[in-house]
Amino acid sequence: MLIQLPSVFTGGKISVFDGDEEVDEEDEANFITSFNMGGPNNEAEFACHFVCHYSDCQYEIEEITSGSRVLLRYSLCYSSNDVASPTANLLHKS
């Protein structure tokens, strides 16, 4: 999980990819989605934004072109003895 604190910036789009494959910018088959985190609309200055993804996904953060931002990165753990840990791969198979 990435949590962005209120910040003033441009650029810095975050893209999430399916973790089963190598990240290839030319191949959109493993692309899931992208987030601008409020930058283009100037919403980032006044609110927190967040992105969550499964642990088997990869993500890429583009360069900030102006300003600065603070991202907090957390690894959330799922613990259950009854069920397998959720993954993007399991979600695609169901």
Protein backbone atom coordinates (compact mmCIF):
# COMPACT_ATOMS: atom_id res chain seq x y z
CA MET A 1 0.00 0.00 0.00
CA LEU A 2 1.26 3.45 -0.93
CA ILE A 3 -0.18 6.46 0.89
CA GLN A 4 0.56 9.90 -0.47
CA LEU A 5 0.41 12.79 1.98
CA PRO A 6 -0.85 16.18 0.73
CA SER A 7 1.81 17.40 -1.71
CA VAL A 8 2.30 19.85 -4.60
CA PHE A 9 3.85 18.17 -7.67
CA THR A 10 3.48 17.25 -11.33
CA GLY A 11 4.33 13.90 -12.92
CA GLY A 12 4.86 10.81 -10.81
CA LYS A 13 2.13 8.55 -12.23
CA ILE A 14 2.01 5.12 -10.57
CA SER A 15 1.32 2.07 -12.80
CA VAL A 16 0.49 -1.42 -11.52
CA PHE A 17 1.35 -4.57 -13.50
CA ASP A 18 0.47 -8.25 -13.19
CA GLY A 19 3.30 -9.87 -11.26
CA ASP A 20 3.46 -13.08 -13.27
CA GLU A 21 5.39 -11.51 -16.12
CA GLU A 22 8.39 -9.25 -16.49
CA VAL A 23 7.33 -5.61 -16.74
CA ASP A 24 7.50 -4.70 -20.43
CA GLU A 25 6.34 -1.20 -21.35
CA GLU A 26 5.57 -2.33 -24.92
CA ASP A 27 3.33 -5.23 -23.81
CA GLU A 28 0.06 -4.01 -22.29
CA ALA A 29 -1.18 -7.55 -21.55
CA ASN A 30 0.26 -7.41 -18.03
CA PHE A 31 -0.80 -3.78 -17.41
CA ILE A 32 -3.55 -3.46 -14.78
CA THR A 33 -4.07 0.26 -14.15
CA SER A 34 -2.40 3.59 -13.41
CA PHE A 35 -3.00 6.36 -10.89
CA ASN A 36 -2.14 10.05 -11.22
CA MET A 37 -2.50 10.54 -7.43
CA GLY A 38 -4.28 13.90 -7.79
CA GLY A 39 -1.35 15.67 -9.44
CA PRO A 40 -2.87 16.94 -12.72
CA ASN A 41 -6.05 18.24 -11.04
CA ASN A 42 -4.23 19.91 -8.13
CA GLU A 43 -6.19 17.69 -5.73
CA ALA A 44 -2.99 16.30 -4.20
CA GLU A 45 -2.32 19.54 -2.37
CA PHE A 46 -5.39 19.16 -0.17
CA ALA A 47 -5.97 15.43 0.31
CA CYS A 48 -4.26 12.10 0.87
CA HIS A 49 -4.35 9.55 -1.96
CA PHE A 50 -3.56 5.84 -1.83
CA VAL A 51 -2.86 2.80 -4.01
CA CYS A 52 -3.21 -0.83 -2.91
CA HIS A 53 -2.07 -3.84 -4.88
CA TYR A 54 -1.57 -7.55 -4.31
CA SER A 55 1.93 -8.64 -3.31
CA ASP A 56 2.42 -10.55 -6.58
CA CYS A 57 1.93 -7.35 -8.62
CA GLN A 58 4.72 -5.03 -9.63
CA TYR A 59 4.46 -1.27 -9.70
CA GLU A 60 6.36 1.55 -11.35
CA ILE A 61 6.52 5.19 -10.25
CA GLU A 62 7.31 7.76 -12.93
CA GLU A 63 9.62 10.66 -12.17
CA ILE A 64 8.25 13.80 -10.50
CA THR A 65 8.73 16.65 -13.01
CA SER A 66 8.18 19.52 -10.55
CA GLY A 67 7.49 19.98 -6.84
CA SER A 68 7.78 17.16 -4.32
CA ARG A 69 5.62 14.56 -2.59
CA VAL A 70 5.77 12.24 0.36
CA LEU A 71 4.77 8.58 -0.14
CA LEU A 72 4.46 6.17 2.77
CA ARG A 73 4.93 2.52 1.79
CA TYR A 74 3.36 -0.25 3.85
CA SER A 75 3.37 -4.01 3.43
CA LEU A 76 0.04 -5.34 4.65
CA CYS A 77 -0.05 -8.96 5.81
CA TYR A 78 -3.00 -11.31 5.48
CA SER A 79 -3.05 -14.07 8.04
CA SER A 80 -5.59 -16.84 7.92
CA ASN A 81 -5.02 -20.51 8.48
CA ASP A 82 -8.22 -21.46 6.66
CA VAL A 83 -7.71 -19.81 3.28
CA ALA A 84 -4.76 -19.27 0.94
CA SER A 85 -3.39 -15.73 0.82
CA PRO A 86 -5.16 -13.63 -1.83
CA THR A 87 -3.11 -12.81 -4.91
CA ALA A 88 -3.80 -11.13 -8.26
CA ASN A 89 -3.12 -14.46 -9.95
CA LEU A 90 -5.87 -16.19 -7.92
CA LEU A 91 -8.25 -13.33 -8.71
CA HIS A 92 -7.64 -13.74 -12.47
CA LYS A 93 -8.26 -17.50 -12.29
CA SER A 94 -11.61 -17.20 -10.50
